[in-house]
Amino acid sequence: MTIKISELERLTKKALKKYGYSPKEIKTIKEILLYAQMRGNNQGVVKLIGKGIPKDPQAGEISVVKETKLSALIDGNHNMGMVVLKQAMEKALKKAKRYGFGIVGTFNTNTSTGAIGYYANKIAKQGYIGFVFAGSPESVNTHGSYEPIFGTNPLAIGVPTNEEPVVLDMATAYMAYFGLIEAKTAGRSIPEGIAYDAEGNITTDPAKAMDGAIRPFDKSYKGAGLAMMVEVLTGPLVKASFTGTGDVAKSWGNLIFIIDPELLTDKAEFSSQVSHMVQKVKSTKKMPGVEEIFVPGERGNKLARQGMESGEIEIEDNLYKALKEASQ
């Protein structure tokens, strides 16, 4: 169905208020959720339905527990992941602007950081290269096993151009966990061959996949290896829980680092050269039936622009119903 974007914003704010967040937190979380929803990303308002993302009653003050001129480690103190990672991004940006490089890790957050392309996009729009990594609870198998051992462990890279940034935002799993929730809510199957049930059988039932494991994005050892590397960067490196060591759902870890292109080249020249690369990629010969070649992030930007121009957005019927219930 199609609804007004203003209605989506209203319901999102109501749900977040119901979940116990402050006006400042609501502003941050809403912005990140709608960034995803407007781009057709499954890290949007689906997070608000069912059990949702209530504020942890143990949430305390976010604090920096270790810091150098180039780095910082932030204890999220049970706060919402999106709120904590936005602070981490802002701190890393300050360091990059002063020293050319900034790296910040976070631990002890209690929820997902949402579409991490949001942060990479923000960084790239200021002329910097941003890398963002996010850990999550066990839901993905390693190659040769059907046991869930890694999180969906997404990564995002944002690069500035003379136009819109190029932003790669991908889970190292074939499907993000909230993609399963979206499919279950809509009453539809997931693609064949991307997930196992608890007994190790391939399943197209999203509910059974939740009890089993999602396969790596390429269904091979390469995807599993990348998932493990993200697990290292968002677990041991930042003092967060990781598979086999504590409850990952209670101490999610994240890592963000930012590079000023000026460390190696002229910043303006770099952006121009990436813009030239974008045009070359988009001008490559198309396969039959392909209308346009897209670079990372471009398709989502196009969807978001169309929504903003019309003031409306398409949303799955059952998801809209569940969102209304979450906001009551």
Protein backbone atom coordinates (compact mmCIF):
# COMPACT_ATOMS: atom_id res chain seq x y z
CA MET A 1 0.00 0.00 0.00
CA THR A 2 1.00 3.65 -0.36
CA ILE A 3 1.03 6.06 2.57
CA LYS A 4 2.19 9.62 3.19
CA ILE A 5 5.77 9.93 4.39
CA SER A 6 4.49 12.29 7.07
CA GLU A 7 2.26 9.47 8.36
CA LEU A 8 5.22 7.09 8.45
CA GLU A 9 7.21 9.65 10.43
CA ARG A 10 4.32 10.19 12.85
CA LEU A 11 3.90 6.48 13.57
CA THR A 12 7.66 6.02 13.93
CA LYS A 13 7.93 8.81 16.48
CA LYS A 14 4.95 7.50 18.43
CA ALA A 15 6.40 4.00 18.59
CA LEU A 16 9.79 5.28 19.73
CA LYS A 17 8.18 7.44 22.39
CA LYS A 18 6.24 4.39 23.57
CA TYR A 19 9.52 2.46 23.76
CA GLY A 20 10.88 5.04 26.22
CA TYR A 21 13.27 7.19 24.21
CA SER A 22 13.95 10.88 24.81
CA PRO A 23 13.09 13.50 22.13
CA LYS A 24 16.79 13.75 21.18
CA GLU A 25 17.11 9.97 20.86
CA ILE A 26 13.87 9.77 18.87
CA LYS A 27 15.21 12.33 16.37
CA THR A 28 18.36 10.28 15.78
CA ILE A 29 16.69 6.87 15.60
CA LYS A 30 13.85 8.10 13.37
CA GLU A 31 16.31 9.65 10.91
CA ILE A 32 18.27 6.41 10.61
CA LEU A 33 15.19 4.19 10.33
CA LEU A 34 13.64 6.39 7.64
CA TYR A 35 16.96 6.58 5.76
CA ALA A 36 16.65 2.80 5.37
CA GLN A 37 12.90 2.71 4.71
CA MET A 38 13.08 5.35 1.98
CA ARG A 39 15.74 3.30 0.20
CA GLY A 40 13.91 -0.02 0.34
CA ASN A 41 16.40 -1.30 2.92
CA ASN A 42 15.14 -3.89 5.42
CA GLN A 43 16.75 -1.99 8.32
CA GLY A 44 13.79 0.39 8.51
CA VAL A 45 10.55 0.49 10.52
CA VAL A 46 10.39 -3.32 10.67
CA LYS A 47 12.63 -2.89 13.72
CA LEU A 48 9.70 -1.30 15.57
CA ILE A 49 7.24 -4.19 15.26
CA GLY A 50 6.81 -7.26 17.46
CA LYS A 51 9.17 -7.00 20.42
CA GLY A 52 10.51 -3.81 18.87
CA ILE A 53 13.47 -1.89 20.25
CA PRO A 54 12.48 -0.71 23.75
CA LYS A 55 15.01 1.36 25.63
CA ASP A 56 16.99 -0.76 28.07
CA PRO A 57 16.06 0.19 31.65
CA GLN A 58 19.74 -0.30 32.54
CA ALA A 59 20.84 2.38 30.06
CA GLY A 60 23.25 4.85 31.63
CA GLU A 61 25.71 7.47 30.49
CA ILE A 62 27.65 6.78 27.31
CA SER A 63 31.35 7.13 28.09
CA VAL A 64 34.78 7.06 26.46
CA VAL A 65 36.93 4.46 28.22
CA LYS A 66 40.10 4.78 26.13
CA GLU A 67 41.29 7.55 23.82
CA THR A 68 44.28 8.75 21.81
CA LYS A 69 44.49 11.57 19.27
CA LEU A 70 43.53 9.08 16.52
CA SER A 71 41.27 6.65 18.36
CA ALA A 72 38.59 6.14 20.98
CA LEU A 73 36.71 3.27 22.56
CA ILE A 74 33.15 4.00 23.69
CA ASP A 75 31.16 2.10 26.30
CA GLY A 76 27.54 2.33 25.14
CA ASN A 77 26.33 1.44 28.66
CA HIS A 78 23.26 -0.45 27.39
CA ASN A 79 22.12 2.40 25.15
CA MET A 80 20.51 2.05 21.74
CA GLY A 81 23.03 1.15 19.03
CA MET A 82 22.02 3.93 16.63
CA VAL A 83 22.46 6.59 19.30
CA VAL A 84 25.89 5.27 20.31
CA LEU A 85 27.26 4.79 16.78
CA LYS A 86 26.20 8.28 15.75
CA GLN A 87 28.27 9.64 18.62
CA ALA A 88 31.15 7.41 17.54
CA MET A 89 30.87 8.75 13.98
CA GLU A 90 30.95 12.35 15.20
CA LYS A 91 34.04 11.68 17.32
CA ALA A 92 35.84 9.88 14.49
CA LEU A 93 35.04 12.77 12.13
CA LYS A 94 36.56 15.30 14.54
CA LYS A 95 39.75 13.29 14.67
CA ALA A 96 39.88 12.83 10.89
CA LYS A 97 39.36 16.54 10.32
CA ARG A 98 42.25 17.36 12.64
CA TYR A 99 44.68 14.52 12.00
CA GLY A 100 43.55 12.96 8.72
CA PHE A 101 42.42 9.72 10.33
CA GLY A 102 40.06 8.68 13.11
CA ILE A 103 39.02 5.27 14.42
CA VAL A 104 36.36 4.64 17.07
CA GLY A 105 34.99 1.38 18.44
CA THR A 106 31.89 0.82 20.54
CA PHE A 107 30.74 -1.97 22.82
CA ASN A 108 27.98 -2.66 25.31
CA THR A 109 25.11 -1.45 23.13
CA ASN A 110 21.91 -3.48 23.25
CA THR A 111 20.45 -3.19 19.75
CA SER A 112 21.24 -2.90 16.06
CA THR A 113 22.83 0.24 14.67
CA GLY A 114 20.43 0.15 11.72
CA ALA A 115 21.46 0.72 8.10
CA ILE A 116 25.16 1.43 8.47
CA GLY A 117 25.18 3.01 5.03
CA TYR A 118 23.61 5.99 6.82
CA TYR A 119 26.87 6.68 8.66
CA ALA A 120 29.10 5.98 5.66
CA ASN A 121 26.97 8.34 3.57
CA LYS A 122 27.21 11.12 6.19
CA ILE A 123 30.99 10.78 6.27
CA ALA A 124 31.41 10.76 2.49
CA LYS A 125 29.21 13.84 2.10
CA GLN A 126 31.82 15.72 4.12
CA GLY A 127 34.58 14.64 1.75
CA TYR A 128 36.02 11.73 3.72
CA ILE A 129 36.19 7.98 3.16
CA GLY A 130 34.18 6.11 5.80
CA PHE A 131 34.34 2.45 6.83
CA VAL A 132 31.66 1.09 9.17
CA PHE A 133 31.39 -2.43 10.60
CA ALA A 134 28.62 -3.85 12.78
CA GLY A 135 28.47 -7.05 14.80
CA SER A 136 25.24 -8.81 15.75
CA PRO A 137 23.96 -11.97 17.50
CA GLU A 138 24.63 -15.40 16.00
CA SER A 139 22.42 -16.10 12.98
CA VAL A 140 24.83 -17.06 10.15
CA ASN A 141 26.66 -20.35 9.59
CA THR A 142 30.26 -20.78 8.57
CA HIS A 143 31.09 -22.74 5.41
CA GLY A 144 30.57 -26.46 5.90
CA SER A 145 28.30 -26.10 8.93
CA TYR A 146 24.62 -25.33 9.51
CA GLU A 147 25.09 -24.00 13.04
CA PRO A 148 24.66 -20.22 13.49
CA ILE A 149 27.99 -18.83 14.70
CA PHE A 150 28.42 -15.35 13.18
CA GLY A 151 26.15 -12.33 13.10
CA THR A 152 24.88 -11.00 9.77
CA ASN A 153 27.86 -8.66 10.30
CA PRO A 154 27.34 -5.89 7.74
CA LEU A 155 29.97 -3.51 6.44
CA ALA A 156 29.63 -0.17 4.71
CA ILE A 157 32.10 1.97 2.78
CA GLY A 158 31.31 5.52 1.72
CA VAL A 159 33.38 7.41 -0.85
CA PRO A 160 32.96 11.07 -1.87
CA THR A 161 32.40 12.15 -5.47
CA ASN A 162 31.47 15.43 -7.13
CA GLU A 163 27.83 14.31 -6.92
CA GLU A 164 26.22 11.81 -4.53
CA PRO A 165 28.65 9.60 -2.58
CA VAL A 166 29.21 6.01 -3.63
CA VAL A 167 28.06 3.93 -0.65
CA LEU A 168 28.41 0.16 -0.41
CA ASP A 169 26.22 -1.21 2.40
CA MET A 170 26.01 -4.99 2.60
CA ALA A 171 25.46 -7.78 5.08
CA THR A 172 28.01 -10.57 4.95
CA ALA A 173 24.95 -12.85 5.18
CA TYR A 174 22.79 -13.60 2.14
CA MET A 175 19.94 -11.79 3.88
CA ALA A 176 19.86 -9.51 6.92
CA TYR A 177 18.01 -10.95 9.91
CA PHE A 178 15.35 -8.26 9.63
CA GLY A 179 14.79 -9.44 6.07
CA LEU A 180 13.53 -12.68 7.61
CA ILE A 181 11.25 -10.69 9.90
CA GLU A 182 9.93 -8.70 6.93
CA ALA A 183 9.21 -11.91 5.00
CA LYS A 184 7.52 -13.54 7.99
CA THR A 185 5.39 -10.43 8.58
CA ALA A 186 4.35 -10.34 4.93
CA GLY A 187 3.60 -14.06 4.90
CA ARG A 188 5.99 -14.78 2.06
CA SER A 189 8.77 -17.28 1.52
CA ILE A 190 12.46 -16.45 1.33
CA PRO A 191 14.54 -17.42 -1.74
CA GLU A 192 15.51 -21.05 -2.18
CA GLY A 193 18.95 -22.05 -0.91
CA ILE A 194 19.81 -19.10 1.35
CA ALA A 195 19.04 -20.53 4.80
CA TYR A 196 18.97 -23.70 6.89
CA ASP A 197 16.45 -24.82 9.48
CA ALA A 198 17.59 -26.05 12.91
CA GLU A 199 18.26 -29.57 11.52
CA GLY A 200 20.42 -28.35 8.66
CA ASN A 201 17.84 -28.66 5.90
CA ILE A 202 17.50 -25.92 3.31
CA THR A 203 14.31 -23.95 4.02
CA THR A 204 12.26 -21.21 2.40
CA ASP A 205 10.28 -20.62 5.60
CA PRO A 206 11.57 -17.43 7.31
CA ALA A 207 10.39 -18.66 10.74
CA LYS A 208 12.39 -21.88 10.40
CA ALA A 209 15.39 -19.89 9.17
CA MET A 210 15.23 -17.81 12.36
CA ASP A 211 15.64 -21.03 14.34
CA GLY A 212 18.39 -22.22 12.00
CA ALA A 213 21.00 -20.21 10.11
CA ILE A 214 21.28 -17.77 7.21
CA ARG A 215 24.02 -18.64 4.73
CA PRO A 216 26.87 -16.23 3.86
CA PHE A 217 26.07 -13.83 1.02
CA ASP A 218 27.92 -15.93 -1.59
CA LYS A 219 27.13 -19.29 0.04
CA SER A 220 30.85 -20.06 0.09
CA TYR A 221 33.99 -19.97 2.20
CA LYS A 222 34.74 -16.44 0.97
CA GLY A 223 31.57 -14.98 2.46
CA ALA A 224 32.09 -16.95 5.66
CA GLY A 225 35.64 -15.66 5.89
CA LEU A 226 34.50 -12.06 5.48
CA ALA A 227 31.81 -12.57 8.14
CA MET A 228 34.50 -13.82 10.53
CA MET A 229 36.76 -10.83 9.85
CA VAL A 230 33.90 -8.44 10.64
CA GLU A 231 33.29 -10.49 13.81
CA VAL A 232 36.93 -9.91 14.81
CA LEU A 233 36.68 -6.14 14.21
CA THR A 234 33.39 -5.79 16.10
CA GLY A 235 34.13 -8.26 18.90
CA PRO A 236 37.65 -8.78 20.28
CA LEU A 237 39.00 -5.48 18.92
CA VAL A 238 36.35 -3.33 20.63
CA LYS A 239 35.82 -5.43 23.80
CA ALA A 240 32.31 -6.44 22.71
CA SER A 241 30.87 -9.93 23.09
CA PHE A 242 31.29 -12.28 20.16
CA THR A 243 30.28 -15.83 19.41
CA GLY A 244 31.15 -18.13 22.28
CA THR A 245 32.04 -15.32 24.72
CA GLY A 246 29.06 -13.87 26.52
CA ASP A 247 25.68 -12.70 25.32
CA VAL A 248 26.19 -10.87 22.02
CA ALA A 249 22.63 -9.52 22.16
CA LYS A 250 23.56 -7.56 25.29
CA SER A 251 26.90 -6.19 24.09
CA TRP A 252 26.83 -5.51 20.37
CA GLY A 253 30.09 -4.16 18.95
CA ASN A 254 30.81 -1.69 16.17
CA LEU A 255 33.83 -0.13 14.51
CA ILE A 256 34.10 2.99 12.42
CA PHE A 257 37.15 4.58 10.84
CA ILE A 258 37.54 7.60 8.63
CA ILE A 259 40.29 8.55 6.19
CA ASP A 260 40.96 12.00 4.77
CA PRO A 261 41.97 11.51 1.11
CA GLU A 262 44.46 14.35 1.62
CA LEU A 263 46.72 11.87 3.40
CA LEU A 264 47.56 10.40 0.00
CA THR A 265 46.28 12.71 -2.72
CA ASP A 266 44.48 15.96 -3.45
CA LYS A 267 40.95 15.72 -2.02
CA ALA A 268 39.23 17.55 -4.89
CA GLU A 269 41.14 15.52 -7.47
CA PHE A 270 40.17 12.30 -5.69
CA SER A 271 36.45 13.13 -5.76
CA SER A 272 36.68 14.06 -9.45
CA GLN A 273 38.45 10.82 -10.30
CA VAL A 274 35.85 8.74 -8.45
CA SER A 275 33.13 10.65 -10.34
CA HIS A 276 34.90 9.75 -13.58
CA MET A 277 34.98 6.09 -12.49
CA VAL A 278 31.24 6.20 -11.73
CA GLN A 279 30.49 7.46 -15.23
CA LYS A 280 32.70 4.81 -16.82
CA VAL A 281 30.98 2.06 -14.82
CA LYS A 282 27.52 3.36 -15.71
CA SER A 283 28.41 3.55 -19.40
CA THR A 284 29.45 -0.10 -19.70
CA LYS A 285 27.56 -2.30 -22.18
CA LYS A 286 24.25 -3.52 -20.77
CA MET A 287 22.94 -7.05 -20.74
CA PRO A 288 19.57 -7.68 -22.43
CA GLY A 289 16.71 -6.27 -20.36
CA VAL A 290 18.94 -3.99 -18.26
CA GLU A 291 17.81 -0.36 -18.44
CA GLU A 292 20.46 1.23 -16.24
CA ILE A 293 23.75 0.30 -14.59
CA PHE A 294 23.85 1.31 -10.93
CA VAL A 295 26.86 1.92 -8.67
CA PRO A 296 26.63 1.14 -4.93
CA GLY A 297 24.00 3.23 -3.17
CA GLU A 298 22.59 4.77 -6.33
CA ARG A 299 19.44 2.67 -6.59
CA GLY A 300 18.52 3.50 -2.98
CA ASN A 301 19.16 7.20 -3.54
CA LYS A 302 16.87 7.11 -6.57
CA LEU A 303 14.07 5.49 -4.56
CA ALA A 304 14.51 8.03 -1.77
CA ARG A 305 14.36 10.98 -4.20
CA GLN A 306 11.21 9.62 -5.80
CA GLY A 307 9.58 9.28 -2.39
CA MET A 308 10.55 12.76 -1.30
CA GLU A 309 9.24 14.26 -4.55
CA SER A 310 5.88 12.50 -4.25
CA GLY A 311 5.62 12.75 -0.47
CA GLU A 312 4.54 9.10 -0.43
CA ILE A 313 6.07 5.68 0.13
CA GLU A 314 5.00 2.11 -0.52
CA ILE A 315 4.85 -0.14 2.52
CA GLU A 316 3.80 -3.75 2.83
CA ASP A 317 0.25 -4.00 4.22
CA ASN A 318 1.03 -6.25 7.19
CA LEU A 319 4.09 -4.19 8.11
CA TYR A 320 1.97 -1.03 8.15
CA LYS A 321 -0.62 -2.74 10.35
CA ALA A 322 2.08 -3.95 12.76
CA LEU A 323 3.64 -0.48 12.87
CA LYS A 324 0.28 1.08 13.76
CA GLU A 325 -0.08 -1.48 16.56
CA ALA A 326 3.45 -0.71 17.81
CA SER A 327 2.60 3.00 18.01
CA GLN A 328 -0.58 2.54 20.08
